[in-house]
Amino acid sequence: MSDLEKAARDAVEAADNTELTRQIAAILAAQQLLNQQPQQPAPVRQEFNATKWLVIGGVVVSAGLVASLFAVAVAIGATCATVCLLILRGLWADFQKGK
């Protein structure tokens, strides 16, 4: 191997090392930038607000009472309609027998 070939191989190797060194320097610079960014502060914890929860509870209880009253009204109406239909069926049967 001649000196010229050896010099050329050393030059290529040095160029590869230079490129690797540049990449390492860029990665280190990026890591330093990431570490320098300010950390976001922890979210502020809100105080317990009893009034808010009392209002929510009152609304839920009121809605439940309204729903239960509506269900009772529907049940009473269905019972009355059933009784009315049974009475009318009995009257109709009596009317048909009388003819």
N, C-alpha and C. Protein backbone atom coordinates (compact mmCIF):
# COMPACT_ATOMS: atom_id res chain seq x y z
N MET A 1 0.85 -1.17 0.00
CA MET A 1 0.00 0.00 0.00
C MET A 1 0.90 1.23 0.00
N SER A 2 0.60 2.13 -0.89
CA SER A 2 1.45 3.31 -1.02
C SER A 2 1.05 4.37 -0.01
N ASP A 3 1.92 5.32 0.13
CA ASP A 3 1.63 6.42 1.06
C ASP A 3 0.43 7.23 0.61
N LEU A 4 0.24 7.32 -0.70
CA LEU A 4 -0.88 8.09 -1.23
C LEU A 4 -2.21 7.40 -0.87
N GLU A 5 -2.29 6.08 -1.00
CA GLU A 5 -3.50 5.35 -0.65
C GLU A 5 -3.76 5.45 0.85
N LYS A 6 -2.70 5.34 1.62
CA LYS A 6 -2.84 5.43 3.08
C LYS A 6 -3.32 6.82 3.48
N ALA A 7 -2.82 7.85 2.83
CA ALA A 7 -3.24 9.22 3.13
C ALA A 7 -4.70 9.43 2.75
N ALA A 8 -5.11 8.86 1.63
CA ALA A 8 -6.49 9.00 1.19
C ALA A 8 -7.43 8.31 2.17
N ARG A 9 -7.07 7.11 2.63
CA ARG A 9 -7.90 6.38 3.59
C ARG A 9 -7.98 7.15 4.91
N ASP A 10 -6.87 7.71 5.37
CA ASP A 10 -6.87 8.51 6.60
C ASP A 10 -7.75 9.75 6.45
N ALA A 11 -7.73 10.36 5.25
CA ALA A 11 -8.56 11.56 5.02
C ALA A 11 -10.04 11.21 5.08
N VAL A 12 -10.44 10.07 4.48
CA VAL A 12 -11.84 9.65 4.50
C VAL A 12 -12.26 9.34 5.94
N GLU A 13 -11.40 8.67 6.67
CA GLU A 13 -11.68 8.34 8.06
C GLU A 13 -11.82 9.60 8.91
N ALA A 14 -11.00 10.56 8.69
CA ALA A 14 -11.07 11.83 9.42
C ALA A 14 -12.36 12.57 9.10
N ALA A 15 -12.78 12.52 7.84
CA ALA A 15 -14.04 13.18 7.45
C ALA A 15 -15.22 12.52 8.14
N ASP A 16 -15.20 11.17 8.21
CA ASP A 16 -16.28 10.46 8.90
C ASP A 16 -16.31 10.83 10.38
N ASN A 17 -15.13 10.92 11.00
CA ASN A 17 -15.05 11.30 12.42
C ASN A 17 -15.56 12.72 12.64
N THR A 18 -15.27 13.60 11.69
CA THR A 18 -15.73 14.99 11.81
C THR A 18 -17.25 15.05 11.75
N GLU A 19 -17.85 14.29 10.83
CA GLU A 19 -19.30 14.28 10.71
C GLU A 19 -19.94 13.70 11.97
N LEU A 20 -19.38 12.64 12.51
CA LEU A 20 -19.88 12.04 13.74
C LEU A 20 -19.78 13.03 14.90
N THR A 21 -18.68 13.76 14.96
CA THR A 21 -18.49 14.76 16.02
C THR A 21 -19.54 15.86 15.90
N ARG A 22 -19.85 16.28 14.67
CA ARG A 22 -20.87 17.32 14.47
C ARG A 22 -22.25 16.83 14.93
N GLN A 23 -22.57 15.58 14.60
CA GLN A 23 -23.86 15.04 15.01
C GLN A 23 -23.97 14.94 16.54
N ILE A 24 -22.91 14.51 17.17
CA ILE A 24 -22.91 14.43 18.64
C ILE A 24 -23.08 15.82 19.25
N ALA A 25 -22.39 16.81 18.68
CA ALA A 25 -22.50 18.18 19.19
C ALA A 25 -23.92 18.71 19.02
N ALA A 26 -24.57 18.39 17.89
CA ALA A 26 -25.95 18.84 17.65
C ALA A 26 -26.91 18.19 18.65
N ILE A 27 -26.71 16.91 18.92
CA ILE A 27 -27.58 16.21 19.89
C ILE A 27 -27.41 16.80 21.28
N LEU A 28 -26.17 17.07 21.67
CA LEU A 28 -25.93 17.65 22.99
C LEU A 28 -26.54 19.05 23.10
N ALA A 29 -26.44 19.83 22.02
CA ALA A 29 -27.02 21.18 22.04
C ALA A 29 -28.54 21.10 22.17
N ALA A 30 -29.16 20.14 21.47
CA ALA A 30 -30.61 19.99 21.57
C ALA A 30 -31.03 19.58 22.97
N GLN A 31 -30.27 18.69 23.58
CA GLN A 31 -30.59 18.28 24.95
C GLN A 31 -30.46 19.45 25.93
N GLN A 32 -29.47 20.27 25.73
CA GLN A 32 -29.30 21.43 26.61
C GLN A 32 -30.46 22.40 26.45
N LEU A 33 -30.93 22.58 25.22
CA LEU A 33 -32.08 23.47 24.99
C LEU A 33 -33.33 22.92 25.67
N LEU A 34 -33.52 21.63 25.58
CA LEU A 34 -34.69 21.03 26.22
C LEU A 34 -34.63 21.17 27.74
N ASN A 35 -33.45 21.05 28.30
CA ASN A 35 -33.30 21.17 29.75
C ASN A 35 -33.45 22.61 30.22
N GLN A 36 -33.20 23.58 29.35
CA GLN A 36 -33.28 24.98 29.74
C GLN A 36 -34.70 25.52 29.69
N GLN A 37 -35.61 24.83 29.01
CA GLN A 37 -36.98 25.32 28.92
C GLN A 37 -37.61 25.30 30.31
N PRO A 38 -38.36 26.34 30.63
CA PRO A 38 -38.96 26.41 31.98
C PRO A 38 -40.00 25.31 32.16
N GLN A 39 -40.01 24.76 33.34
CA GLN A 39 -40.98 23.74 33.69
C GLN A 39 -42.32 24.41 33.95
N GLN A 40 -43.40 23.76 33.53
CA GLN A 40 -44.72 24.32 33.78
C GLN A 40 -45.06 24.11 35.25
N PRO A 41 -45.59 25.14 35.88
CA PRO A 41 -45.91 25.00 37.31
C PRO A 41 -47.07 24.02 37.49
N ALA A 42 -47.10 23.42 38.65
CA ALA A 42 -48.18 22.49 38.96
C ALA A 42 -49.50 23.27 39.01
N PRO A 43 -50.60 22.66 38.54
CA PRO A 43 -51.88 23.38 38.57
C PRO A 43 -52.28 23.71 40.01
N VAL A 44 -52.87 24.87 40.13
CA VAL A 44 -53.28 25.34 41.45
C VAL A 44 -54.52 24.55 41.89
N ARG A 45 -54.46 23.99 43.07
CA ARG A 45 -55.59 23.21 43.58
C ARG A 45 -56.64 24.18 44.12
N GLN A 46 -57.87 23.97 43.67
CA GLN A 46 -58.95 24.85 44.11
C GLN A 46 -59.43 24.45 45.49
N GLU A 47 -59.90 25.44 46.21
CA GLU A 47 -60.45 25.20 47.53
C GLU A 47 -61.77 24.43 47.41
N PHE A 48 -62.11 23.67 48.45
CA PHE A 48 -63.39 22.96 48.47
C PHE A 48 -64.51 23.97 48.60
N ASN A 49 -65.48 23.89 47.70
CA ASN A 49 -66.60 24.82 47.70
C ASN A 49 -67.86 24.06 48.07
N ALA A 50 -68.27 24.18 49.34
CA ALA A 50 -69.43 23.44 49.83
C ALA A 50 -70.72 23.92 49.17
N THR A 51 -70.81 25.20 48.87
CA THR A 51 -72.03 25.75 48.27
C THR A 51 -72.30 25.10 46.92
N LYS A 52 -71.25 24.93 46.14
CA LYS A 52 -71.41 24.32 44.82
C LYS A 52 -71.98 22.91 44.96
N TRP A 53 -71.46 22.13 45.90
CA TRP A 53 -71.92 20.75 46.06
C TRP A 53 -73.33 20.70 46.65
N LEU A 54 -73.68 21.67 47.50
CA LEU A 54 -75.05 21.71 48.02
C LEU A 54 -76.04 22.01 46.90
N VAL A 55 -75.68 22.91 46.01
CA VAL A 55 -76.55 23.25 44.88
C VAL A 55 -76.70 22.03 43.97
N ILE A 56 -75.58 21.35 43.67
CA ILE A 56 -75.65 20.16 42.81
C ILE A 56 -76.53 19.09 43.47
N GLY A 57 -76.35 18.86 44.76
CA GLY A 57 -77.18 17.89 45.47
C GLY A 57 -78.65 18.26 45.46
N GLY A 58 -78.94 19.54 45.66
CA GLY A 58 -80.33 20.00 45.64
C GLY A 58 -80.97 19.81 44.29
N VAL A 59 -80.23 20.08 43.23
CA VAL A 59 -80.77 19.90 41.88
C VAL A 59 -81.02 18.42 41.60
N VAL A 60 -80.10 17.56 42.01
CA VAL A 60 -80.27 16.12 41.77
C VAL A 60 -81.47 15.59 42.56
N VAL A 61 -81.60 16.00 43.81
CA VAL A 61 -82.73 15.54 44.62
C VAL A 61 -84.05 16.06 44.04
N SER A 62 -84.07 17.32 43.63
CA SER A 62 -85.29 17.88 43.05
C SER A 62 -85.67 17.16 41.77
N ALA A 63 -84.70 16.90 40.92
CA ALA A 63 -84.98 16.19 39.67
C ALA A 63 -85.48 14.77 39.96
N GLY A 64 -84.92 14.12 40.96
CA GLY A 64 -85.38 12.79 41.34
C GLY A 64 -86.81 12.80 41.85
N LEU A 65 -87.15 13.80 42.65
CA LEU A 65 -88.53 13.91 43.15
C LEU A 65 -89.51 14.15 42.01
N VAL A 66 -89.15 15.02 41.09
CA VAL A 66 -90.03 15.30 39.95
C VAL A 66 -90.22 14.03 39.12
N ALA A 67 -89.14 13.31 38.88
CA ALA A 67 -89.23 12.07 38.09
C ALA A 67 -90.10 11.03 38.80
N SER A 68 -89.96 10.91 40.11
CA SER A 68 -90.77 9.92 40.84
C SER A 68 -92.25 10.33 40.84
N LEU A 69 -92.55 11.60 41.00
CA LEU A 69 -93.94 12.05 40.94
C LEU A 69 -94.54 11.80 39.56
N PHE A 70 -93.75 12.02 38.53
CA PHE A 70 -94.22 11.77 37.16
C PHE A 70 -94.50 10.28 36.97
N ALA A 71 -93.63 9.42 37.51
CA ALA A 71 -93.84 7.97 37.39
C ALA A 71 -95.10 7.54 38.13
N VAL A 72 -95.35 8.11 39.30
CA VAL A 72 -96.57 7.80 40.05
C VAL A 72 -97.81 8.25 39.28
N ALA A 73 -97.73 9.44 38.67
CA ALA A 73 -98.86 9.95 37.89
C ALA A 73 -99.14 9.04 36.69
N VAL A 74 -98.11 8.58 36.03
CA VAL A 74 -98.29 7.68 34.89
C VAL A 74 -98.90 6.36 35.36
N ALA A 75 -98.45 5.84 36.48
CA ALA A 75 -98.99 4.58 37.00
C ALA A 75 -100.46 4.73 37.37
N ILE A 76 -100.83 5.83 38.01
CA ILE A 76 -102.24 6.07 38.37
C ILE A 76 -103.09 6.19 37.12
N GLY A 77 -102.59 6.91 36.13
CA GLY A 77 -103.33 7.06 34.87
C GLY A 77 -103.52 5.73 34.17
N ALA A 78 -102.50 4.89 34.16
CA ALA A 78 -102.62 3.58 33.51
C ALA A 78 -103.62 2.70 34.25
N THR A 79 -103.62 2.77 35.58
CA THR A 79 -104.58 1.98 36.36
C THR A 79 -106.00 2.44 36.09
N CYS A 80 -106.21 3.73 36.07
CA CYS A 80 -107.55 4.27 35.80
C CYS A 80 -108.02 3.90 34.39
N ALA A 81 -107.14 3.98 33.41
CA ALA A 81 -107.51 3.62 32.05
C ALA A 81 -107.87 2.14 31.95
N THR A 82 -107.13 1.29 32.64
CA THR A 82 -107.41 -0.14 32.62
C THR A 82 -108.77 -0.44 33.25
N VAL A 83 -109.05 0.16 34.39
CA VAL A 83 -110.34 -0.05 35.06
C VAL A 83 -111.48 0.45 34.18
N CYS A 84 -111.26 1.59 33.56
CA CYS A 84 -112.30 2.16 32.69
C CYS A 84 -112.58 1.24 31.51
N LEU A 85 -111.53 0.71 30.90
CA LEU A 85 -111.71 -0.20 29.77
C LEU A 85 -112.40 -1.50 30.21
N LEU A 86 -112.09 -2.02 31.39
CA LEU A 86 -112.75 -3.23 31.87
C LEU A 86 -114.24 -2.99 32.12
N ILE A 87 -114.56 -1.84 32.67
CA ILE A 87 -115.97 -1.51 32.91
C ILE A 87 -116.71 -1.37 31.59
N LEU A 88 -116.10 -0.68 30.64
CA LEU A 88 -116.75 -0.51 29.34
C LEU A 88 -116.92 -1.85 28.63
N ARG A 89 -115.96 -2.76 28.76
CA ARG A 89 -116.07 -4.08 28.14
C ARG A 89 -117.23 -4.86 28.75
N GLY A 90 -117.34 -4.74 30.09
CA GLY A 90 -118.46 -5.41 30.77
C GLY A 90 -119.79 -4.84 30.33
N LEU A 91 -119.89 -3.52 30.21
CA LEU A 91 -121.13 -2.89 29.74
C LEU A 91 -121.44 -3.31 28.32
N TRP A 92 -120.45 -3.38 27.48
CA TRP A 92 -120.65 -3.76 26.08
C TRP A 92 -121.13 -5.22 26.00
N ALA A 93 -120.54 -6.07 26.86
CA ALA A 93 -120.98 -7.48 26.86
C ALA A 93 -122.44 -7.56 27.32
N ASP A 94 -122.84 -6.79 28.35
CA ASP A 94 -124.21 -6.79 28.82
C ASP A 94 -125.14 -6.23 27.73
N PHE A 95 -124.68 -5.20 27.03
CA PHE A 95 -125.49 -4.59 25.97
C PHE A 95 -125.71 -5.60 24.83
N GLN A 96 -124.67 -6.39 24.51
CA GLN A 96 -124.79 -7.36 23.43
C GLN A 96 -125.73 -8.51 23.83
N LYS A 97 -125.75 -8.90 25.11
CA LYS A 97 -126.63 -9.97 25.59
C LYS A 97 -128.11 -9.50 25.59
N GLY A 98 -128.31 -8.21 25.84
CA GLY A 98 -129.67 -7.67 25.92
C GLY A 98 -130.33 -7.62 24.56
N LYS A 99 -129.63 -7.63 23.50
CA LYS A 99 -130.24 -7.52 22.18
C LYS A 99 -130.82 -8.79 21.80
